Amino acid sequence: MPAFIVVPALFWVTLLLVGGGLALVRARDVLQRVVALDLLAVIVIALLALLSCLRGQAYYFDAAVALALLSFVATVATARYLGSGGPFG
């Protein structure tokens, strides 16, 4: 992918990262925080994928895939935990 496409995309993804951080700080309850953290994980995954394209290094993409898997498992575990009412619910 050409650099004149990737560099503005990196700029916008970085701005989205700041916006996601603000959404996390402004979240009122636990569910909104979980969604905001999931949003931040998706944005970081996009950032790593763009870095992989720009630099031509495969290990950025490997880190993005690992983060995606970890984020999915963490979101499902948190949803199950909050859905059951806690550890003893």
PDB file of N, CA and C in Angstrom:
ATOM      1  N   MET A   1       0.848  -1.166   0.000  1.00  0.00           N
ATOM      2  CA  MET A   1       0.000   0.000   0.000  1.00  0.00           C
ATOM      3  C   MET A   1       0.904   1.243   0.000  1.00  0.00           C
ATOM      4  N   PRO A   2       0.547   2.258  -0.773  1.00  0.00           N
ATOM      5  CA  PRO A   2       1.395   3.448  -0.850  1.00  0.00           C
ATOM      6  C   PRO A   2       1.417   4.232   0.461  1.00  0.00           C
ATOM      7  N   ALA A   3       2.549   4.887   0.698  1.00  0.00           N
ATOM      8  CA  ALA A   3       2.721   5.636   1.947  1.00  0.00           C
ATOM      9  C   ALA A   3       1.793   6.839   2.017  1.00  0.00           C
ATOM     10  N   PHE A   4       1.398   7.408   0.877  1.00  0.00           N
ATOM     11  CA  PHE A   4       0.522   8.582   0.925  1.00  0.00           C
ATOM     12  C   PHE A   4      -0.893   8.229   1.356  1.00  0.00           C
ATOM     13  N   ILE A   5      -1.203   6.955   1.436  1.00  0.00           N
ATOM     14  CA  ILE A   5      -2.490   6.508   1.974  1.00  0.00           C
ATOM     15  C   ILE A   5      -2.342   6.107   3.441  1.00  0.00           C
ATOM     16  N   VAL A   6      -1.243   5.460   3.764  1.00  0.00           N
ATOM     17  CA  VAL A   6      -1.057   4.917   5.110  1.00  0.00           C
ATOM     18  C   VAL A   6      -0.786   6.019   6.129  1.00  0.00           C
ATOM     19  N   VAL A   7      -0.017   7.016   5.763  1.00  0.00           N
ATOM     20  CA  VAL A   7       0.346   8.060   6.727  1.00  0.00           C
ATOM     21  C   VAL A   7      -0.879   8.863   7.187  1.00  0.00           C
ATOM     22  N   PRO A   8      -1.768   9.336   6.289  1.00  0.00           N
ATOM     23  CA  PRO A   8      -2.983   9.997   6.808  1.00  0.00           C
ATOM     24  C   PRO A   8      -3.877   9.044   7.605  1.00  0.00           C
ATOM     25  N   ALA A   9      -3.898   7.781   7.227  1.00  0.00           N
ATOM     26  CA  ALA A   9      -4.684   6.805   7.985  1.00  0.00           C
ATOM     27  C   ALA A   9      -4.126   6.650   9.403  1.00  0.00           C
ATOM     28  N   LEU A  10      -2.806   6.648   9.531  1.00  0.00           N
ATOM     29  CA  LEU A  10      -2.190   6.591  10.861  1.00  0.00           C
ATOM     30  C   LEU A  10      -2.559   7.818  11.683  1.00  0.00           C
ATOM     31  N   PHE A  11      -2.577   8.973  11.041  1.00  0.00           N
ATOM     32  CA  PHE A  11      -2.959  10.208  11.735  1.00  0.00           C
ATOM     33  C   PHE A  11      -4.390  10.109  12.255  1.00  0.00           C
ATOM     34  N   TRP A  12      -5.319   9.663  11.413  1.00  0.00           N
ATOM     35  CA  TRP A  12      -6.715   9.569  11.827  1.00  0.00           C
ATOM     36  C   TRP A  12      -6.926   8.502  12.891  1.00  0.00           C
ATOM     37  N   VAL A  13      -6.228   7.400  12.779  1.00  0.00           N
ATOM     38  CA  VAL A  13      -6.368   6.347  13.791  1.00  0.00           C
ATOM     39  C   VAL A  13      -5.828   6.838  15.134  1.00  0.00           C
ATOM     40  N   THR A  14      -4.775   7.639  15.102  1.00  0.00           N
ATOM     41  CA  THR A  14      -4.253   8.205  16.343  1.00  0.00           C
ATOM     42  C   THR A  14      -5.268   9.162  16.966  1.00  0.00           C
ATOM     43  N   LEU A  15      -5.931   9.964  16.147  1.00  0.00           N
ATOM     44  CA  LEU A  15      -6.988  10.837  16.677  1.00  0.00           C
ATOM     45  C   LEU A  15      -8.150  10.017  17.245  1.00  0.00           C
ATOM     46  N   LEU A  16      -8.484   8.922  16.585  1.00  0.00           N
ATOM     47  CA  LEU A  16      -9.528   8.044  17.110  1.00  0.00           C
ATOM     48  C   LEU A  16      -9.112   7.426  18.441  1.00  0.00           C
ATOM     49  N   LEU A  17      -7.836   7.147  18.597  1.00  0.00           N
ATOM     50  CA  LEU A  17      -7.325   6.608  19.856  1.00  0.00           C
ATOM     51  C   LEU A  17      -7.523   7.615  20.991  1.00  0.00           C
ATOM     52  N   VAL A  18      -7.266   8.879  20.712  1.00  0.00           N
ATOM     53  CA  VAL A  18      -7.491   9.926  21.714  1.00  0.00           C
ATOM     54  C   VAL A  18      -8.984  10.036  22.038  1.00  0.00           C
ATOM     55  N   GLY A  19      -9.827   9.990  21.012  1.00  0.00           N
ATOM     56  CA  GLY A  19     -11.271  10.038  21.245  1.00  0.00           C
ATOM     57  C   GLY A  19     -11.769   8.842  22.041  1.00  0.00           C
ATOM     58  N   GLY A  20     -11.218   7.666  21.770  1.00  0.00           N
ATOM     59  CA  GLY A  20     -11.595   6.483  22.545  1.00  0.00           C
ATOM     60  C   GLY A  20     -11.160   6.589  23.993  1.00  0.00           C
ATOM     61  N   GLY A  21      -9.995   7.180  24.213  1.00  0.00           N
ATOM     62  CA  GLY A  21      -9.540   7.406  25.590  1.00  0.00           C
ATOM     63  C   GLY A  21     -10.459   8.357  26.338  1.00  0.00           C
ATOM     64  N   LEU A  22     -10.918   9.395  25.641  1.00  0.00           N
ATOM     65  CA  LEU A  22     -11.876  10.312  26.267  1.00  0.00           C
ATOM     66  C   LEU A  22     -13.201   9.614  26.548  1.00  0.00           C
ATOM     67  N   ALA A  23     -13.629   8.747  25.662  1.00  0.00           N
ATOM     68  CA  ALA A  23     -14.857   7.986  25.902  1.00  0.00           C
ATOM     69  C   ALA A  23     -14.705   7.076  27.113  1.00  0.00           C
ATOM     70  N   LEU A  24     -13.515   6.513  27.287  1.00  0.00           N
ATOM     71  CA  LEU A  24     -13.268   5.660  28.453  1.00  0.00           C
ATOM     72  C   LEU A  24     -13.304   6.472  29.739  1.00  0.00           C
ATOM     73  N   VAL A  25     -12.723   7.647  29.715  1.00  0.00           N
ATOM     74  CA  VAL A  25     -12.693   8.486  30.915  1.00  0.00           C
ATOM     75  C   VAL A  25     -14.096   8.979  31.266  1.00  0.00           C
ATOM     76  N   ARG A  26     -14.905   9.279  30.258  1.00  0.00           N
ATOM     77  CA  ARG A  26     -16.242   9.826  30.497  1.00  0.00           C
ATOM     78  C   ARG A  26     -17.303   8.759  30.748  1.00  0.00           C
ATOM     79  N   ALA A  27     -16.955   7.498  30.677  1.00  0.00           N
ATOM     80  CA  ALA A  27     -17.935   6.419  30.865  1.00  0.00           C
ATOM     81  C   ALA A  27     -18.502   6.456  32.284  1.00  0.00           C
ATOM     82  N   ARG A  28     -19.818   6.250  32.364  1.00  0.00           N
ATOM     83  CA  ARG A  28     -20.489   6.351  33.653  1.00  0.00           C
ATOM     84  C   ARG A  28     -20.549   5.031  34.411  1.00  0.00           C
ATOM     85  N   ASP A  29     -20.775   3.944  33.706  1.00  0.00           N
ATOM     86  CA  ASP A  29     -20.907   2.663  34.394  1.00  0.00           C
ATOM     87  C   ASP A  29     -19.961   1.634  33.774  1.00  0.00           C
ATOM     88  N   VAL A  30     -19.994   0.440  34.329  1.00  0.00           N
ATOM     89  CA  VAL A  30     -19.044  -0.600  33.945  1.00  0.00           C
ATOM     90  C   VAL A  30     -19.262  -1.038  32.499  1.00  0.00           C
ATOM     91  N   LEU A  31     -20.494  -1.139  32.069  1.00  0.00           N
ATOM     92  CA  LEU A  31     -20.765  -1.584  30.702  1.00  0.00           C
ATOM     93  C   LEU A  31     -20.211  -0.602  29.668  1.00  0.00           C
ATOM     94  N   GLN A  32     -20.346   0.679  29.926  1.00  0.00           N
ATOM     95  CA  GLN A  32     -19.786   1.667  29.011  1.00  0.00           C
ATOM     96  C   GLN A  32     -18.260   1.602  28.995  1.00  0.00           C
ATOM     97  N   ARG A  33     -17.665   1.306  30.134  1.00  0.00           N
ATOM     98  CA  ARG A  33     -16.199   1.166  30.184  1.00  0.00           C
ATOM     99  C   ARG A  33     -15.728  -0.051  29.401  1.00  0.00           C
ATOM    100  N   VAL A  34     -16.487  -1.140  29.483  1.00  0.00           N
ATOM    101  CA  VAL A  34     -16.135  -2.344  28.724  1.00  0.00           C
ATOM    102  C   VAL A  34     -16.214  -2.072  27.227  1.00  0.00           C
ATOM    103  N   VAL A  35     -17.259  -1.389  26.796  1.00  0.00           N
ATOM    104  CA  VAL A  35     -17.391  -1.056  25.378  1.00  0.00           C
ATOM    105  C   VAL A  35     -16.278  -0.111  24.944  1.00  0.00           C
ATOM    106  N   ALA A  36     -15.936   0.868  25.788  1.00  0.00           N
ATOM    107  CA  ALA A  36     -14.866   1.805  25.445  1.00  0.00           C
ATOM    108  C   ALA A  36     -13.509   1.092  25.375  1.00  0.00           C
ATOM    109  N   LEU A  37     -13.260   0.161  26.270  1.00  0.00           N
ATOM    110  CA  LEU A  37     -12.005  -0.597  26.208  1.00  0.00           C
ATOM    111  C   LEU A  37     -11.949  -1.482  24.972  1.00  0.00           C
ATOM    112  N   ASP A  38     -13.083  -2.054  24.597  1.00  0.00           N
ATOM    113  CA  ASP A  38     -13.135  -2.853  23.371  1.00  0.00           C
ATOM    114  C   ASP A  38     -12.892  -1.968  22.151  1.00  0.00           C
ATOM    115  N   LEU A  39     -13.449  -0.769  22.160  1.00  0.00           N
ATOM    116  CA  LEU A  39     -13.200   0.187  21.088  1.00  0.00           C
ATOM    117  C   LEU A  39     -11.723   0.537  21.004  1.00  0.00           C
ATOM    118  N   LEU A  40     -11.084   0.780  22.140  1.00  0.00           N
ATOM    119  CA  LEU A  40      -9.651   1.089  22.148  1.00  0.00           C
ATOM    120  C   LEU A  40      -8.830  -0.079  21.620  1.00  0.00           C
ATOM    121  N   ALA A  41      -9.231  -1.285  21.953  1.00  0.00           N
ATOM    122  CA  ALA A  41      -8.508  -2.450  21.447  1.00  0.00           C
ATOM    123  C   ALA A  41      -8.616  -2.545  19.930  1.00  0.00           C
ATOM    124  N   VAL A  42      -9.792  -2.281  19.386  1.00  0.00           N
ATOM    125  CA  VAL A  42      -9.974  -2.325  17.933  1.00  0.00           C
ATOM    126  C   VAL A  42      -9.138  -1.237  17.256  1.00  0.00           C
ATOM    127  N   ILE A  43      -9.077  -0.065  17.866  1.00  0.00           N
ATOM    128  CA  ILE A  43      -8.291   1.024  17.287  1.00  0.00           C
ATOM    129  C   ILE A  43      -6.803   0.697  17.326  1.00  0.00           C
ATOM    130  N   VAL A  44      -6.332   0.108  18.408  1.00  0.00           N
ATOM    131  CA  VAL A  44      -4.920  -0.282  18.492  1.00  0.00           C
ATOM    132  C   VAL A  44      -4.608  -1.388  17.486  1.00  0.00           C
ATOM    133  N   ILE A  45      -5.549  -2.289  17.267  1.00  0.00           N
ATOM    134  CA  ILE A  45      -5.365  -3.338  16.259  1.00  0.00           C
ATOM    135  C   ILE A  45      -5.224  -2.703  14.879  1.00  0.00           C
ATOM    136  N   ALA A  46      -6.070  -1.717  14.578  1.00  0.00           N
ATOM    137  CA  ALA A  46      -5.959  -1.013  13.291  1.00  0.00           C
ATOM    138  C   ALA A  46      -4.633  -0.280  13.181  1.00  0.00           C
ATOM    139  N   LEU A  47      -4.182   0.323  14.268  1.00  0.00           N
ATOM    140  CA  LEU A  47      -2.902   1.023  14.269  1.00  0.00           C
ATOM    141  C   LEU A  47      -1.745   0.063  14.008  1.00  0.00           C
ATOM    142  N   LEU A  48      -1.782  -1.093  14.630  1.00  0.00           N
ATOM    143  CA  LEU A  48      -0.731  -2.089  14.402  1.00  0.00           C
ATOM    144  C   LEU A  48      -0.760  -2.621  12.973  1.00  0.00           C
ATOM    145  N   ALA A  49      -1.934  -2.818  12.424  1.00  0.00           N
ATOM    146  CA  ALA A  49      -2.033  -3.290  11.041  1.00  0.00           C
ATOM    147  C   ALA A  49      -1.495  -2.246  10.070  1.00  0.00           C
ATOM    148  N   LEU A  50      -1.789  -0.971  10.318  1.00  0.00           N
ATOM    149  CA  LEU A  50      -1.252   0.086   9.462  1.00  0.00           C
ATOM    150  C   LEU A  50       0.259   0.193   9.585  1.00  0.00           C
ATOM    151  N   LEU A  51       0.774   0.047  10.787  1.00  0.00           N
ATOM    152  CA  LEU A  51       2.230   0.059  10.962  1.00  0.00           C
ATOM    153  C   LEU A  51       2.882  -1.108  10.241  1.00  0.00           C
ATOM    154  N   SER A  52       2.207  -2.242  10.250  1.00  0.00           N
ATOM    155  CA  SER A  52       2.734  -3.405   9.539  1.00  0.00           C
ATOM    156  C   SER A  52       2.802  -3.135   8.040  1.00  0.00           C
ATOM    157  N   CYS A  53       1.784  -2.478   7.509  1.00  0.00           N
ATOM    158  CA  CYS A  53       1.795  -2.140   6.076  1.00  0.00           C
ATOM    159  C   CYS A  53       2.865  -1.107   5.761  1.00  0.00           C
ATOM    160  N   LEU A  54       3.009  -0.114   6.619  1.00  0.00           N
ATOM    161  CA  LEU A  54       3.945   0.975   6.349  1.00  0.00           C
ATOM    162  C   LEU A  54       5.393   0.516   6.430  1.00  0.00           C
ATOM    163  N   ARG A  55       5.718  -0.240   7.451  1.00  0.00           N
ATOM    164  CA  ARG A  55       7.111  -0.644   7.664  1.00  0.00           C
ATOM    165  C   ARG A  55       7.482  -1.970   7.017  1.00  0.00           C
ATOM    166  N   GLY A  56       6.480  -2.749   6.635  1.00  0.00           N
ATOM    167  CA  GLY A  56       6.764  -4.030   5.998  1.00  0.00           C
ATOM    168  C   GLY A  56       7.262  -5.091   6.965  1.00  0.00           C
ATOM    169  N   GLN A  57       6.915  -4.947   8.227  1.00  0.00           N
ATOM    170  CA  GLN A  57       7.325  -5.903   9.258  1.00  0.00           C
ATOM    171  C   GLN A  57       6.122  -6.748   9.657  1.00  0.00           C
ATOM    172  N   ALA A  58       6.291  -8.042   9.616  1.00  0.00           N
ATOM    173  CA  ALA A  58       5.173  -8.943   9.886  1.00  0.00           C
ATOM    174  C   ALA A  58       4.838  -9.040  11.373  1.00  0.00           C
ATOM    175  N   TYR A  59       5.784  -8.727  12.240  1.00  0.00           N
ATOM    176  CA  TYR A  59       5.512  -8.927  13.658  1.00  0.00           C
ATOM    177  C   TYR A  59       4.506  -7.913  14.197  1.00  0.00           C
ATOM    178  N   TYR A  60       4.320  -6.767  13.558  1.00  0.00           N
ATOM    179  CA  TYR A  60       3.251  -5.853  13.951  1.00  0.00           C
ATOM    180  C   TYR A  60       1.886  -6.505  13.696  1.00  0.00           C
ATOM    181  N   PHE A  61       1.761  -7.158  12.571  1.00  0.00           N
ATOM    182  CA  PHE A  61       0.498  -7.834  12.253  1.00  0.00           C
ATOM    183  C   PHE A  61       0.268  -9.010  13.198  1.00  0.00           C
ATOM    184  N   ASP A  62       1.333  -9.718  13.552  1.00  0.00           N
ATOM    185  CA  ASP A  62       1.204 -10.808  14.518  1.00  0.00           C
ATOM    186  C   ASP A  62       0.721 -10.286  15.869  1.00  0.00           C
ATOM    187  N   ALA A  63       1.247  -9.149  16.281  1.00  0.00           N
ATOM    188  CA  ALA A  63       0.805  -8.542  17.541  1.00  0.00           C
ATOM    189  C   ALA A  63      -0.657  -8.109  17.444  1.00  0.00           C
ATOM    190  N   ALA A  64      -1.072  -7.620  16.279  1.00  0.00           N
ATOM    191  CA  ALA A  64      -2.472  -7.219  16.086  1.00  0.00           C
ATOM    192  C   ALA A  64      -3.407  -8.419  16.202  1.00  0.00           C
ATOM    193  N   VAL A  65      -3.024  -9.542  15.615  1.00  0.00           N
ATOM    194  CA  VAL A  65      -3.847 -10.749  15.690  1.00  0.00           C
ATOM    195  C   VAL A  65      -3.922 -11.260  17.131  1.00  0.00           C
ATOM    196  N   ALA A  66      -2.800 -11.246  17.826  1.00  0.00           N
ATOM    197  CA  ALA A  66      -2.784 -11.693  19.224  1.00  0.00           C
ATOM    198  C   ALA A  66      -3.651 -10.785  20.088  1.00  0.00           C
ATOM    199  N   LEU A  67      -3.572  -9.483  19.867  1.00  0.00           N
ATOM    200  CA  LEU A  67      -4.396  -8.548  20.621  1.00  0.00           C
ATOM    201  C   LEU A  67      -5.871  -8.735  20.306  1.00  0.00           C
ATOM    202  N   ALA A  68      -6.206  -9.024  19.063  1.00  0.00           N
ATOM    203  CA  ALA A  68      -7.605  -9.260  18.689  1.00  0.00           C
ATOM    204  C   ALA A  68      -8.160 -10.486  19.409  1.00  0.00           C
ATOM    205  N   LEU A  69      -7.381 -11.554  19.440  1.00  0.00           N
ATOM    206  CA  LEU A  69      -7.836 -12.764  20.135  1.00  0.00           C
ATOM    207  C   LEU A  69      -7.991 -12.523  21.632  1.00  0.00           C
ATOM    208  N   LEU A  70      -7.026 -11.855  22.227  1.00  0.00           N
ATOM    209  CA  LEU A  70      -7.081 -11.574  23.657  1.00  0.00           C
ATOM    210  C   LEU A  70      -8.240 -10.639  23.985  1.00  0.00           C
ATOM    211  N   SER A  71      -8.466  -9.653  23.158  1.00  0.00           N
ATOM    212  CA  SER A  71      -9.558  -8.710  23.386  1.00  0.00           C
ATOM    213  C   SER A  71     -10.915  -9.400  23.281  1.00  0.00           C
ATOM    214  N   PHE A  72     -11.056 -10.288  22.304  1.00  0.00           N
ATOM    215  CA  PHE A  72     -12.326 -11.011  22.154  1.00  0.00           C
ATOM    216  C   PHE A  72     -12.608 -11.872  23.380  1.00  0.00           C
ATOM    217  N   VAL A  73     -11.622 -12.614  23.834  1.00  0.00           N
ATOM    218  CA  VAL A  73     -11.806 -13.483  25.000  1.00  0.00           C
ATOM    219  C   VAL A  73     -12.107 -12.655  26.247  1.00  0.00           C
ATOM    220  N   ALA A  74     -11.414 -11.537  26.409  1.00  0.00           N
ATOM    221  CA  ALA A  74     -11.643 -10.691  27.579  1.00  0.00           C
ATOM    222  C   ALA A  74     -13.035 -10.075  27.555  1.00  0.00           C
ATOM    223  N   THR A  75     -13.505  -9.662  26.386  1.00  0.00           N
ATOM    224  CA  THR A  75     -14.838  -9.075  26.286  1.00  0.00           C
ATOM    225  C   THR A  75     -15.916 -10.111  26.579  1.00  0.00           C
ATOM    226  N   VAL A  76     -15.762 -11.311  26.056  1.00  0.00           N
ATOM    227  CA  VAL A  76     -16.742 -12.369  26.323  1.00  0.00           C
ATOM    228  C   VAL A  76     -16.733 -12.743  27.805  1.00  0.00           C
ATOM    229  N   ALA A  77     -15.556 -12.844  28.397  1.00  0.00           N
ATOM    230  CA  ALA A  77     -15.473 -13.189  29.820  1.00  0.00           C
ATOM    231  C   ALA A  77     -16.095 -12.093  30.687  1.00  0.00           C
ATOM    232  N   THR A  78     -15.854 -10.851  30.347  1.00  0.00           N
ATOM    233  CA  THR A  78     -16.442  -9.746  31.114  1.00  0.00           C
ATOM    234  C   THR A  78     -17.954  -9.711  30.956  1.00  0.00           C
ATOM    235  N   ALA A  79     -18.442  -9.957  29.741  1.00  0.00           N
ATOM    236  CA  ALA A  79     -19.888  -9.973  29.524  1.00  0.00           C
ATOM    237  C   ALA A  79     -20.552 -11.103  30.323  1.00  0.00           C
ATOM    238  N   ARG A  80     -19.919 -12.266  30.342  1.00  0.00           N
ATOM    239  CA  ARG A  80     -20.473 -13.372  31.124  1.00  0.00           C
ATOM    240  C   ARG A  80     -20.435 -13.059  32.621  1.00  0.00           C
ATOM    241  N   TYR A  81     -19.358 -12.434  33.067  1.00  0.00           N
ATOM    242  CA  TYR A  81     -19.229 -12.078  34.479  1.00  0.00           C
ATOM    243  C   TYR A  81     -20.288 -11.062  34.875  1.00  0.00           C
ATOM    244  N   LEU A  82     -20.472 -10.022  34.072  1.00  0.00           N
ATOM    245  CA  LEU A  82     -21.450  -8.997  34.394  1.00  0.00           C
ATOM    246  C   LEU A  82     -22.889  -9.497  34.187  1.00  0.00           C
ATOM    247  N   GLY A  83     -23.087 -10.412  33.255  1.00  0.00           N
ATOM    248  CA  GLY A  83     -24.420 -10.956  33.009  1.00  0.00           C
ATOM    249  C   GLY A  83     -24.904 -11.866  34.121  1.00  0.00           C
ATOM    250  N   SER A  84     -23.986 -12.535  34.775  1.00  0.00           N
ATOM    251  CA  SER A  84     -24.387 -13.448  35.845  1.00  0.00           C
ATOM    252  C   SER A  84     -24.495 -12.738  37.196  1.00  0.00           C
ATOM    253  N   GLY A  85     -24.130 -11.501  37.278  1.00  0.00           N
ATOM    254  CA  GLY A  85     -24.275 -10.760  38.522  1.00  0.00           C
ATOM    255  C   GLY A  85     -23.062 -10.826  39.433  1.00  0.00           C
ATOM    256  N   GLY A  86     -21.960 -11.266  38.958  1.00  0.00           N
ATOM    257  CA  GLY A  86     -20.748 -11.320  39.771  1.00  0.00           C
ATOM    258  C   GLY A  86     -20.202 -12.708  39.853  1.00  0.00           C
ATOM    259  N   PRO A  87     -19.200 -12.904  40.693  1.00  0.00           N
ATOM    260  CA  PRO A  87     -18.548 -14.210  40.730  1.00  0.00           C
ATOM    261  C   PRO A  87     -19.403 -15.312  41.368  1.00  0.00           C
ATOM    262  N   PHE A  88     -20.375 -14.910  42.183  1.00  0.00           N
ATOM    263  CA  PHE A  88     -21.170 -15.926  42.875  1.00  0.00           C
ATOM    264  C   PHE A  88     -22.625 -15.902  42.441  1.00  0.00           C
ATOM    265  N   GLY A  89     -22.928 -15.218  41.319  1.00  0.00           N
ATOM    266  CA  GLY A  89     -24.322 -15.086  40.893  1.00  0.00           C
ATOM    267  C   GLY A  89     -24.806 -16.164  39.979  1.00  0.00           C
TER     268      GLY A  89
END
